Amino acid sequence: MKWLWTWDGHCFGYRDHEDLWTCDGKHVGKIDGKDIYDSQGKYLGEIINRDRLITCTSKKHDKGFKFKPYPNRPAVTKNVDYAAYKMFVGYEDFPKL
């Protein structure tokens, strides 16, 4: 399990192998390289700086593979939030799911 934060510094959830989970136990994404797609194959964002989630606006129409989400897991206590990073041009913060 690897904790992940949004670019704004909020604890989003965690990575478990190639799956993205929220702190409240929802399976919301599959990770393909550094890109993340939802269950319908819609691009959500990517992982950069090892543990930060961000969305490249030029990739918002990209499609990945569809998948059936796993059943919900028990919620986990959120990790601490961190300071926000300065936003890059052409990017926006990862969606709040």
PDB file of N, CA and C in Angstrom:
ATOM      1  N   MET A   1       0.845  -1.177   0.000  1.00  0.00           N
ATOM      2  CA  MET A   1       0.000   0.000   0.000  1.00  0.00           C
ATOM      3  C   MET A   1       0.889   1.239   0.000  1.00  0.00           C
ATOM      4  N   LYS A   2       0.615   2.143  -0.926  1.00  0.00           N
ATOM      5  CA  LYS A   2       1.392   3.386  -1.053  1.00  0.00           C
ATOM      6  C   LYS A   2       0.434   4.563  -0.976  1.00  0.00           C
ATOM      7  N   TRP A   3       0.586   5.420   0.002  1.00  0.00           N
ATOM      8  CA  TRP A   3      -0.272   6.591   0.157  1.00  0.00           C
ATOM      9  C   TRP A   3      -0.074   7.573  -0.979  1.00  0.00           C
ATOM     10  N   LEU A   4      -1.179   8.242  -1.373  1.00  0.00           N
ATOM     11  CA  LEU A   4      -1.134   9.235  -2.454  1.00  0.00           C
ATOM     12  C   LEU A   4      -1.879  10.500  -2.030  1.00  0.00           C
ATOM     13  N   TRP A   5      -1.343  11.645  -2.466  1.00  0.00           N
ATOM     14  CA  TRP A   5      -1.924  12.940  -2.169  1.00  0.00           C
ATOM     15  C   TRP A   5      -2.238  13.685  -3.459  1.00  0.00           C
ATOM     16  N   THR A   6      -3.238  14.549  -3.408  1.00  0.00           N
ATOM     17  CA  THR A   6      -3.526  15.399  -4.560  1.00  0.00           C
ATOM     18  C   THR A   6      -2.424  16.455  -4.659  1.00  0.00           C
ATOM     19  N   TRP A   7      -2.393  17.146  -5.782  1.00  0.00           N
ATOM     20  CA  TRP A   7      -1.395  18.198  -5.981  1.00  0.00           C
ATOM     21  C   TRP A   7      -1.583  19.305  -4.947  1.00  0.00           C
ATOM     22  N   ASP A   8      -2.829  19.514  -4.512  1.00  0.00           N
ATOM     23  CA  ASP A   8      -3.119  20.516  -3.475  1.00  0.00           C
ATOM     24  C   ASP A   8      -2.716  20.045  -2.081  1.00  0.00           C
ATOM     25  N   GLY A   9      -2.263  18.806  -1.946  1.00  0.00           N
ATOM     26  CA  GLY A   9      -1.746  18.315  -0.680  1.00  0.00           C
ATOM     27  C   GLY A   9      -2.714  17.519   0.174  1.00  0.00           C
ATOM     28  N   HIS A  10      -3.915  17.238  -0.328  1.00  0.00           N
ATOM     29  CA  HIS A  10      -4.895  16.480   0.444  1.00  0.00           C
ATOM     30  C   HIS A  10      -4.666  14.978   0.265  1.00  0.00           C
ATOM     31  N   CYS A  11      -4.759  14.250   1.351  1.00  0.00           N
ATOM     32  CA  CYS A  11      -4.615  12.800   1.278  1.00  0.00           C
ATOM     33  C   CYS A  11      -5.804  12.241   0.497  1.00  0.00           C
ATOM     34  N   PHE A  12      -5.531  11.586  -0.631  1.00  0.00           N
ATOM     35  CA  PHE A  12      -6.593  11.049  -1.478  1.00  0.00           C
ATOM     36  C   PHE A  12      -6.937   9.619  -1.099  1.00  0.00           C
ATOM     37  N   GLY A  13      -5.914   8.826  -0.907  1.00  0.00           N
ATOM     38  CA  GLY A  13      -6.103   7.401  -0.658  1.00  0.00           C
ATOM     39  C   GLY A  13      -4.791   6.686  -0.881  1.00  0.00           C
ATOM     40  N   TYR A  14      -4.866   5.524  -1.506  1.00  0.00           N
ATOM     41  CA  TYR A  14      -3.648   4.744  -1.649  1.00  0.00           C
ATOM     42  C   TYR A  14      -3.669   3.894  -2.919  1.00  0.00           C
ATOM     43  N   ARG A  15      -2.463   3.487  -3.278  1.00  0.00           N
ATOM     44  CA  ARG A  15      -2.248   2.576  -4.400  1.00  0.00           C
ATOM     45  C   ARG A  15      -1.977   1.198  -3.831  1.00  0.00           C
ATOM     46  N   ASP A  16      -2.654   0.197  -4.380  1.00  0.00           N
ATOM     47  CA  ASP A  16      -2.412  -1.192  -4.026  1.00  0.00           C
ATOM     48  C   ASP A  16      -2.144  -1.910  -5.339  1.00  0.00           C
ATOM     49  N   HIS A  17      -0.904  -2.153  -5.633  1.00  0.00           N
ATOM     50  CA  HIS A  17      -0.450  -2.679  -6.920  1.00  0.00           C
ATOM     51  C   HIS A  17      -0.875  -1.694  -8.016  1.00  0.00           C
ATOM     52  N   GLU A  18      -1.741  -2.082  -8.923  1.00  0.00           N
ATOM     53  CA  GLU A  18      -2.160  -1.189 -10.014  1.00  0.00           C
ATOM     54  C   GLU A  18      -3.562  -0.615  -9.791  1.00  0.00           C
ATOM     55  N   ASP A  19      -4.024  -0.612  -8.570  1.00  0.00           N
ATOM     56  CA  ASP A  19      -5.367  -0.136  -8.249  1.00  0.00           C
ATOM     57  C   ASP A  19      -5.296   1.099  -7.361  1.00  0.00           C
ATOM     58  N   LEU A  20      -6.203   2.052  -7.620  1.00  0.00           N
ATOM     59  CA  LEU A  20      -6.306   3.268  -6.824  1.00  0.00           C
ATOM     60  C   LEU A  20      -7.550   3.186  -5.944  1.00  0.00           C
ATOM     61  N   TRP A  21      -7.342   3.376  -4.652  1.00  0.00           N
ATOM     62  CA  TRP A  21      -8.412   3.293  -3.656  1.00  0.00           C
ATOM     63  C   TRP A  21      -8.521   4.606  -2.905  1.00  0.00           C
ATOM     64  N   THR A  22      -9.760   5.017  -2.579  1.00  0.00           N
ATOM     65  CA  THR A  22      -9.960   6.178  -1.729  1.00  0.00           C
ATOM     66  C   THR A  22      -9.833   5.753  -0.269  1.00  0.00           C
ATOM     67  N   CYS A  23      -9.692   6.727   0.615  1.00  0.00           N
ATOM     68  CA  CYS A  23      -9.598   6.421   2.044  1.00  0.00           C
ATOM     69  C   CYS A  23     -10.869   5.769   2.568  1.00  0.00           C
ATOM     70  N   ASP A  24     -12.006   6.059   1.908  1.00  0.00           N
ATOM     71  CA  ASP A  24     -13.249   5.449   2.389  1.00  0.00           C
ATOM     72  C   ASP A  24     -13.506   4.078   1.764  1.00  0.00           C
ATOM     73  N   GLY A  25     -12.508   3.516   1.081  1.00  0.00           N
ATOM     74  CA  GLY A  25     -12.569   2.125   0.638  1.00  0.00           C
ATOM     75  C   GLY A  25     -13.141   1.875  -0.737  1.00  0.00           C
ATOM     76  N   LYS A  26     -13.232   2.890  -1.589  1.00  0.00           N
ATOM     77  CA  LYS A  26     -13.772   2.709  -2.938  1.00  0.00           C
ATOM     78  C   LYS A  26     -12.646   2.506  -3.947  1.00  0.00           C
ATOM     79  N   HIS A  27     -12.823   1.524  -4.800  1.00  0.00           N
ATOM     80  CA  HIS A  27     -11.882   1.241  -5.884  1.00  0.00           C
ATOM     81  C   HIS A  27     -12.248   2.158  -7.046  1.00  0.00           C
ATOM     82  N   VAL A  28     -11.457   3.207  -7.263  1.00  0.00           N
ATOM     83  CA  VAL A  28     -11.840   4.241  -8.229  1.00  0.00           C
ATOM     84  C   VAL A  28     -10.976   4.296  -9.484  1.00  0.00           C
ATOM     85  N   GLY A  29      -9.888   3.555  -9.532  1.00  0.00           N
ATOM     86  CA  GLY A  29      -9.042   3.656 -10.711  1.00  0.00           C
ATOM     87  C   GLY A  29      -8.075   2.509 -10.881  1.00  0.00           C
ATOM     88  N   LYS A  30      -7.614   2.385 -12.126  1.00  0.00           N
ATOM     89  CA  LYS A  30      -6.540   1.456 -12.488  1.00  0.00           C
ATOM     90  C   LYS A  30      -5.369   2.295 -12.983  1.00  0.00           C
ATOM     91  N   ILE A  31      -4.185   1.904 -12.595  1.00  0.00           N
ATOM     92  CA  ILE A  31      -2.982   2.635 -12.949  1.00  0.00           C
ATOM     93  C   ILE A  31      -2.283   1.907 -14.078  1.00  0.00           C
ATOM     94  N   ASP A  32      -2.049   2.636 -15.161  1.00  0.00           N
ATOM     95  CA  ASP A  32      -1.369   2.108 -16.339  1.00  0.00           C
ATOM     96  C   ASP A  32      -0.114   2.946 -16.554  1.00  0.00           C
ATOM     97  N   GLY A  33       1.016   2.439 -16.082  1.00  0.00           N
ATOM     98  CA  GLY A  33       2.232   3.248 -16.080  1.00  0.00           C
ATOM     99  C   GLY A  33       2.087   4.311 -15.018  1.00  0.00           C
ATOM    100  N   LYS A  34       2.006   5.580 -15.436  1.00  0.00           N
ATOM    101  CA  LYS A  34       1.741   6.646 -14.465  1.00  0.00           C
ATOM    102  C   LYS A  34       0.332   7.212 -14.611  1.00  0.00           C
ATOM    103  N   ASP A  35      -0.387   6.821 -15.671  1.00  0.00           N
ATOM    104  CA  ASP A  35      -1.736   7.324 -15.919  1.00  0.00           C
ATOM    105  C   ASP A  35      -2.782   6.501 -15.166  1.00  0.00           C
ATOM    106  N   ILE A  36      -3.867   7.168 -14.776  1.00  0.00           N
ATOM    107  CA  ILE A  36      -4.938   6.535 -14.007  1.00  0.00           C
ATOM    108  C   ILE A  36      -6.248   6.705 -14.762  1.00  0.00           C
ATOM    109  N   TYR A  37      -7.007   5.609 -14.872  1.00  0.00           N
ATOM    110  CA  TYR A  37      -8.291   5.599 -15.578  1.00  0.00           C
ATOM    111  C   TYR A  37      -9.375   5.082 -14.657  1.00  0.00           C
ATOM    112  N   ASP A  38     -10.597   5.623 -14.835  1.00  0.00           N
ATOM    113  CA  ASP A  38     -11.727   5.138 -14.037  1.00  0.00           C
ATOM    114  C   ASP A  38     -12.293   3.865 -14.646  1.00  0.00           C
ATOM    115  N   SER A  39     -13.355   3.335 -14.051  1.00  0.00           N
ATOM    116  CA  SER A  39     -13.907   2.050 -14.492  1.00  0.00           C
ATOM    117  C   SER A  39     -14.471   2.090 -15.905  1.00  0.00           C
ATOM    118  N   GLN A  40     -14.783   3.261 -16.420  1.00  0.00           N
ATOM    119  CA  GLN A  40     -15.276   3.396 -17.793  1.00  0.00           C
ATOM    120  C   GLN A  40     -14.155   3.682 -18.785  1.00  0.00           C
ATOM    121  N   GLY A  41     -12.918   3.713 -18.314  1.00  0.00           N
ATOM    122  CA  GLY A  41     -11.773   3.959 -19.176  1.00  0.00           C
ATOM    123  C   GLY A  41     -11.441   5.426 -19.353  1.00  0.00           C
ATOM    124  N   LYS A  42     -12.075   6.308 -18.614  1.00  0.00           N
ATOM    125  CA  LYS A  42     -11.834   7.744 -18.718  1.00  0.00           C
ATOM    126  C   LYS A  42     -10.572   8.113 -17.947  1.00  0.00           C
ATOM    127  N   TYR A  43      -9.724   8.928 -18.570  1.00  0.00           N
ATOM    128  CA  TYR A  43      -8.508   9.415 -17.922  1.00  0.00           C
ATOM    129  C   TYR A  43      -8.876  10.296 -16.734  1.00  0.00           C
ATOM    130  N   LEU A  44      -8.320   9.971 -15.571  1.00  0.00           N
ATOM    131  CA  LEU A  44      -8.531  10.777 -14.367  1.00  0.00           C
ATOM    132  C   LEU A  44      -7.336  11.672 -14.065  1.00  0.00           C
ATOM    133  N   GLY A  45      -6.151  11.139 -14.305  1.00  0.00           N
ATOM    134  CA  GLY A  45      -4.951  11.887 -13.975  1.00  0.00           C
ATOM    135  C   GLY A  45      -3.749  10.977 -13.990  1.00  0.00           C
ATOM    136  N   GLU A  46      -2.733  11.402 -13.266  1.00  0.00           N
ATOM    137  CA  GLU A  46      -1.500  10.632 -13.236  1.00  0.00           C
ATOM    138  C   GLU A  46      -0.765  10.845 -11.932  1.00  0.00           C
ATOM    139  N   ILE A  47       0.211   9.992 -11.717  1.00  0.00           N
ATOM    140  CA  ILE A  47       1.049  10.079 -10.528  1.00  0.00           C
ATOM    141  C   ILE A  47       2.383  10.685 -10.949  1.00  0.00           C
ATOM    142  N   ILE A  48       2.757  11.767 -10.280  1.00  0.00           N
ATOM    143  CA  ILE A  48       4.102  12.311 -10.488  1.00  0.00           C
ATOM    144  C   ILE A  48       4.717  12.606  -9.123  1.00  0.00           C
ATOM    145  N   ASN A  49       6.015  12.774  -9.107  1.00  0.00           N
ATOM    146  CA  ASN A  49       6.758  12.967  -7.857  1.00  0.00           C
ATOM    147  C   ASN A  49       6.513  11.829  -6.871  1.00  0.00           C
ATOM    148  N   ARG A  50       6.304  10.633  -7.366  1.00  0.00           N
ATOM    149  CA  ARG A  50       6.151   9.376  -6.621  1.00  0.00           C
ATOM    150  C   ARG A  50       4.857   9.222  -5.839  1.00  0.00           C
ATOM    151  N   ASP A  51       4.246  10.329  -5.391  1.00  0.00           N
ATOM    152  CA  ASP A  51       3.074  10.165  -4.535  1.00  0.00           C
ATOM    153  C   ASP A  51       2.035  11.275  -4.682  1.00  0.00           C
ATOM    154  N   ARG A  52       2.115  12.038  -5.783  1.00  0.00           N
ATOM    155  CA  ARG A  52       1.155  13.128  -5.984  1.00  0.00           C
ATOM    156  C   ARG A  52       0.297  12.867  -7.213  1.00  0.00           C
ATOM    157  N   LEU A  53      -0.984  13.154  -7.077  1.00  0.00           N
ATOM    158  CA  LEU A  53      -1.958  12.967  -8.155  1.00  0.00           C
ATOM    159  C   LEU A  53      -2.256  14.316  -8.796  1.00  0.00           C
ATOM    160  N   ILE A  54      -2.245  14.346 -10.113  1.00  0.00           N
ATOM    161  CA  ILE A  54      -2.480  15.566 -10.876  1.00  0.00           C
ATOM    162  C   ILE A  54      -3.143  15.172 -12.190  1.00  0.00           C
ATOM    163  N   THR A  55      -3.817  16.110 -12.839  1.00  0.00           N
ATOM    164  CA  THR A  55      -4.496  15.841 -14.106  1.00  0.00           C
ATOM    165  C   THR A  55      -3.925  16.746 -15.188  1.00  0.00           C
ATOM    166  N   CYS A  56      -3.493  16.143 -16.287  1.00  0.00           N
ATOM    167  CA  CYS A  56      -3.022  16.880 -17.458  1.00  0.00           C
ATOM    168  C   CYS A  56      -4.252  17.213 -18.306  1.00  0.00           C
ATOM    169  N   THR A  57      -4.530  18.491 -18.489  1.00  0.00           N
ATOM    170  CA  THR A  57      -5.759  18.877 -19.189  1.00  0.00           C
ATOM    171  C   THR A  57      -5.775  18.406 -20.640  1.00  0.00           C
ATOM    172  N   SER A  58      -4.622  18.270 -21.268  1.00  0.00           N
ATOM    173  CA  SER A  58      -4.596  17.820 -22.669  1.00  0.00           C
ATOM    174  C   SER A  58      -4.890  16.325 -22.809  1.00  0.00           C
ATOM    175  N   LYS A  59      -4.882  15.579 -21.713  1.00  0.00           N
ATOM    176  CA  LYS A  59      -5.162  14.140 -21.754  1.00  0.00           C
ATOM    177  C   LYS A  59      -6.593  13.805 -21.327  1.00  0.00           C
ATOM    178  N   LYS A  60      -7.404  14.818 -21.007  1.00  0.00           N
ATOM    179  CA  LYS A  60      -8.729  14.564 -20.439  1.00  0.00           C
ATOM    180  C   LYS A  60      -9.650  13.756 -21.352  1.00  0.00           C
ATOM    181  N   HIS A  61      -9.342  13.684 -22.636  1.00  0.00           N
ATOM    182  CA  HIS A  61     -10.167  12.905 -23.559  1.00  0.00           C
ATOM    183  C   HIS A  61      -9.547  11.550 -23.883  1.00  0.00           C
ATOM    184  N   ASP A  62      -8.424  11.233 -23.250  1.00  0.00           N
ATOM    185  CA  ASP A  62      -7.782   9.934 -23.466  1.00  0.00           C
ATOM    186  C   ASP A  62      -8.654   8.822 -22.895  1.00  0.00           C
ATOM    187  N   LYS A  63      -8.558   7.670 -23.512  1.00  0.00           N
ATOM    188  CA  LYS A  63      -9.303   6.492 -23.059  1.00  0.00           C
ATOM    189  C   LYS A  63      -8.325   5.364 -22.744  1.00  0.00           C
ATOM    190  N   GLY A  64      -8.622   4.671 -21.686  1.00  0.00           N
ATOM    191  CA  GLY A  64      -7.881   3.483 -21.303  1.00  0.00           C
ATOM    192  C   GLY A  64      -8.824   2.302 -21.333  1.00  0.00           C
ATOM    193  N   PHE A  65      -8.466   1.289 -20.628  1.00  0.00           N
ATOM    194  CA  PHE A  65      -9.293   0.087 -20.583  1.00  0.00           C
ATOM    195  C   PHE A  65     -10.373   0.224 -19.512  1.00  0.00           C
ATOM    196  N   LYS A  66     -11.519  -0.406 -19.756  1.00  0.00           N
ATOM    197  CA  LYS A  66     -12.590  -0.445 -18.767  1.00  0.00           C
ATOM    198  C   LYS A  66     -12.313  -1.588 -17.799  1.00  0.00           C
ATOM    199  N   PHE A  67     -12.869  -1.490 -16.608  1.00  0.00           N
ATOM    200  CA  PHE A  67     -12.724  -2.563 -15.627  1.00  0.00           C
ATOM    201  C   PHE A  67     -13.919  -2.547 -14.681  1.00  0.00           C
ATOM    202  N   LYS A  68     -14.119  -3.669 -14.039  1.00  0.00           N
ATOM    203  CA  LYS A  68     -15.173  -3.766 -13.032  1.00  0.00           C
ATOM    204  C   LYS A  68     -14.529  -3.494 -11.667  1.00  0.00           C
ATOM    205  N   PRO A  69     -14.989  -2.451 -10.966  1.00  0.00           N
ATOM    206  CA  PRO A  69     -14.381  -2.146  -9.662  1.00  0.00           C
ATOM    207  C   PRO A  69     -14.559  -3.298  -8.675  1.00  0.00           C
ATOM    208  N   TYR A  70     -13.564  -3.453  -7.820  1.00  0.00           N
ATOM    209  CA  TYR A  70     -13.647  -4.430  -6.743  1.00  0.00           C
ATOM    210  C   TYR A  70     -14.669  -3.945  -5.711  1.00  0.00           C
ATOM    211  N   PRO A  71     -15.202  -4.864  -4.916  1.00  0.00           N
ATOM    212  CA  PRO A  71     -16.104  -4.445  -3.830  1.00  0.00           C
ATOM    213  C   PRO A  71     -15.384  -3.482  -2.880  1.00  0.00           C
ATOM    214  N   ASN A  72     -16.164  -2.654  -2.208  1.00  0.00           N
ATOM    215  CA  ASN A  72     -15.587  -1.708  -1.254  1.00  0.00           C
ATOM    216  C   ASN A  72     -14.817  -2.436  -0.166  1.00  0.00           C
ATOM    217  N   ARG A  73     -13.779  -1.765   0.293  1.00  0.00           N
ATOM    218  CA  ARG A  73     -12.983  -2.236   1.416  1.00  0.00           C
ATOM    219  C   ARG A  73     -13.349  -1.407   2.644  1.00  0.00           C
ATOM    220  N   PRO A  74     -12.926  -1.852   3.813  1.00  0.00           N
ATOM    221  CA  PRO A  74     -13.131  -1.002   4.997  1.00  0.00           C
ATOM    222  C   PRO A  74     -12.376   0.319   4.831  1.00  0.00           C
ATOM    223  N   ALA A  75     -12.938   1.376   5.354  1.00  0.00           N
ATOM    224  CA  ALA A  75     -12.282   2.683   5.308  1.00  0.00           C
ATOM    225  C   ALA A  75     -10.989   2.639   6.126  1.00  0.00           C
ATOM    226  N   VAL A  76     -10.058   3.498   5.746  1.00  0.00           N
ATOM    227  CA  VAL A  76      -8.809   3.638   6.485  1.00  0.00           C
ATOM    228  C   VAL A  76      -8.702   5.078   6.975  1.00  0.00           C
ATOM    229  N   THR A  77      -8.002   5.267   8.050  1.00  0.00           N
ATOM    230  CA  THR A  77      -7.797   6.615   8.573  1.00  0.00           C
ATOM    231  C   THR A  77      -6.909   7.380   7.602  1.00  0.00           C
ATOM    232  N   LYS A  78      -7.359   8.565   7.215  1.00  0.00           N
ATOM    233  CA  LYS A  78      -6.580   9.386   6.283  1.00  0.00           C
ATOM    234  C   LYS A  78      -5.232   9.729   6.876  1.00  0.00           C
ATOM    235  N   ASN A  79      -4.251   9.748   6.019  1.00  0.00           N
ATOM    236  CA  ASN A  79      -2.930  10.200   6.412  1.00  0.00           C
ATOM    237  C   ASN A  79      -2.958  11.724   6.516  1.00  0.00           C
ATOM    238  N   VAL A  80      -1.933  12.316   7.054  1.00  0.00           N
ATOM    239  CA  VAL A  80      -1.884  13.775   7.189  1.00  0.00           C
ATOM    240  C   VAL A  80      -1.828  14.436   5.819  1.00  0.00           C
ATOM    241  N   ASP A  81      -2.357  15.644   5.727  1.00  0.00           N
ATOM    242  CA  ASP A  81      -2.239  16.432   4.505  1.00  0.00           C
ATOM    243  C   ASP A  81      -0.872  17.094   4.477  1.00  0.00           C
ATOM    244  N   TYR A  82      -0.439  17.447   3.265  1.00  0.00           N
ATOM    245  CA  TYR A  82       0.832  18.129   3.065  1.00  0.00           C
ATOM    246  C   TYR A  82       0.598  19.480   2.413  1.00  0.00           C
ATOM    247  N   ALA A  83       1.635  20.244   2.314  1.00  0.00           N
ATOM    248  CA  ALA A  83       1.553  21.539   1.635  1.00  0.00           C
ATOM    249  C   ALA A  83       1.289  21.308   0.147  1.00  0.00           C
ATOM    250  N   ALA A  84       0.569  22.230  -0.447  1.00  0.00           N
ATOM    251  CA  ALA A  84       0.293  22.161  -1.884  1.00  0.00           C
ATOM    252  C   ALA A  84       1.553  22.497  -2.671  1.00  0.00           C
ATOM    253  N   TYR A  85       1.624  21.929  -3.879  1.00  0.00           N
ATOM    254  CA  TYR A  85       2.680  22.306  -4.814  1.00  0.00           C
ATOM    255  C   TYR A  85       2.135  23.367  -5.752  1.00  0.00           C
ATOM    256  N   LYS A  86       3.021  24.166  -6.298  1.00  0.00           N
ATOM    257  CA  LYS A  86       2.618  25.156  -7.294  1.00  0.00           C
ATOM    258  C   LYS A  86       2.156  24.407  -8.547  1.00  0.00           C
ATOM    259  N   MET A  87       0.996  24.795  -9.071  1.00  0.00           N
ATOM    260  CA  MET A  87       0.400  24.104 -10.222  1.00  0.00           C
ATOM    261  C   MET A  87       1.206  24.380 -11.498  1.00  0.00           C
ATOM    262  N   PHE A  88       1.384  23.328 -12.296  1.00  0.00           N
ATOM    263  CA  PHE A  88       2.034  23.455 -13.599  1.00  0.00           C
ATOM    264  C   PHE A  88       1.043  23.999 -14.612  1.00  0.00           C
ATOM    265  N   VAL A  89       1.544  24.705 -15.593  1.00  0.00           N
ATOM    266  CA  VAL A  89       0.698  25.156 -16.722  1.00  0.00           C
ATOM    267  C   VAL A  89       0.223  23.917 -17.478  1.00  0.00           C
ATOM    268  N   GLY A  90      -1.066  23.879 -17.814  1.00  0.00           N
ATOM    269  CA  GLY A  90      -1.626  22.737 -18.551  1.00  0.00           C
ATOM    270  C   GLY A  90      -2.094  21.594 -17.669  1.00  0.00           C
ATOM    271  N   TYR A  91      -2.072  21.807 -16.362  1.00  0.00           N
ATOM    272  CA  TYR A  91      -2.502  20.783 -15.408  1.00  0.00           C
ATOM    273  C   TYR A  91      -3.533  21.361 -14.459  1.00  0.00           C
ATOM    274  N   GLU A  92      -4.251  20.483 -13.791  1.00  0.00           N
ATOM    275  CA  GLU A  92      -5.176  20.864 -12.733  1.00  0.00           C
ATOM    276  C   GLU A  92      -5.129  19.799 -11.659  1.00  0.00           C
ATOM    277  N   ASP A  93      -5.700  20.123 -10.514  1.00  0.00           N
ATOM    278  CA  ASP A  93      -5.667  19.156  -9.420  1.00  0.00           C
ATOM    279  C   ASP A  93      -6.492  17.920  -9.775  1.00  0.00           C
ATOM    280  N   PHE A  94      -6.125  16.796  -9.202  1.00  0.00           N
ATOM    281  CA  PHE A  94      -6.813  15.529  -9.417  1.00  0.00           C
ATOM    282  C   PHE A  94      -8.261  15.664  -8.962  1.00  0.00           C
ATOM    283  N   PRO A  95      -9.209  15.037  -9.678  1.00  0.00           N
ATOM    284  CA  PRO A  95     -10.622  15.195  -9.291  1.00  0.00           C
ATOM    285  C   PRO A  95     -10.910  14.627  -7.903  1.00  0.00           C
ATOM    286  N   LYS A  96     -11.848  15.253  -7.240  1.00  0.00           N
ATOM    287  CA  LYS A  96     -12.313  14.743  -5.946  1.00  0.00           C
ATOM    288  C   LYS A  96     -13.416  13.725  -6.226  1.00  0.00           C
ATOM    289  N   LEU A  97     -13.149  12.483  -5.923  1.00  0.00           N
ATOM    290  CA  LEU A  97     -14.089  11.400  -6.244  1.00  0.00           C
ATOM    291  C   LEU A  97     -14.833  10.912  -5.028  1.00  0.00           C
TER     292      LEU A  97
END
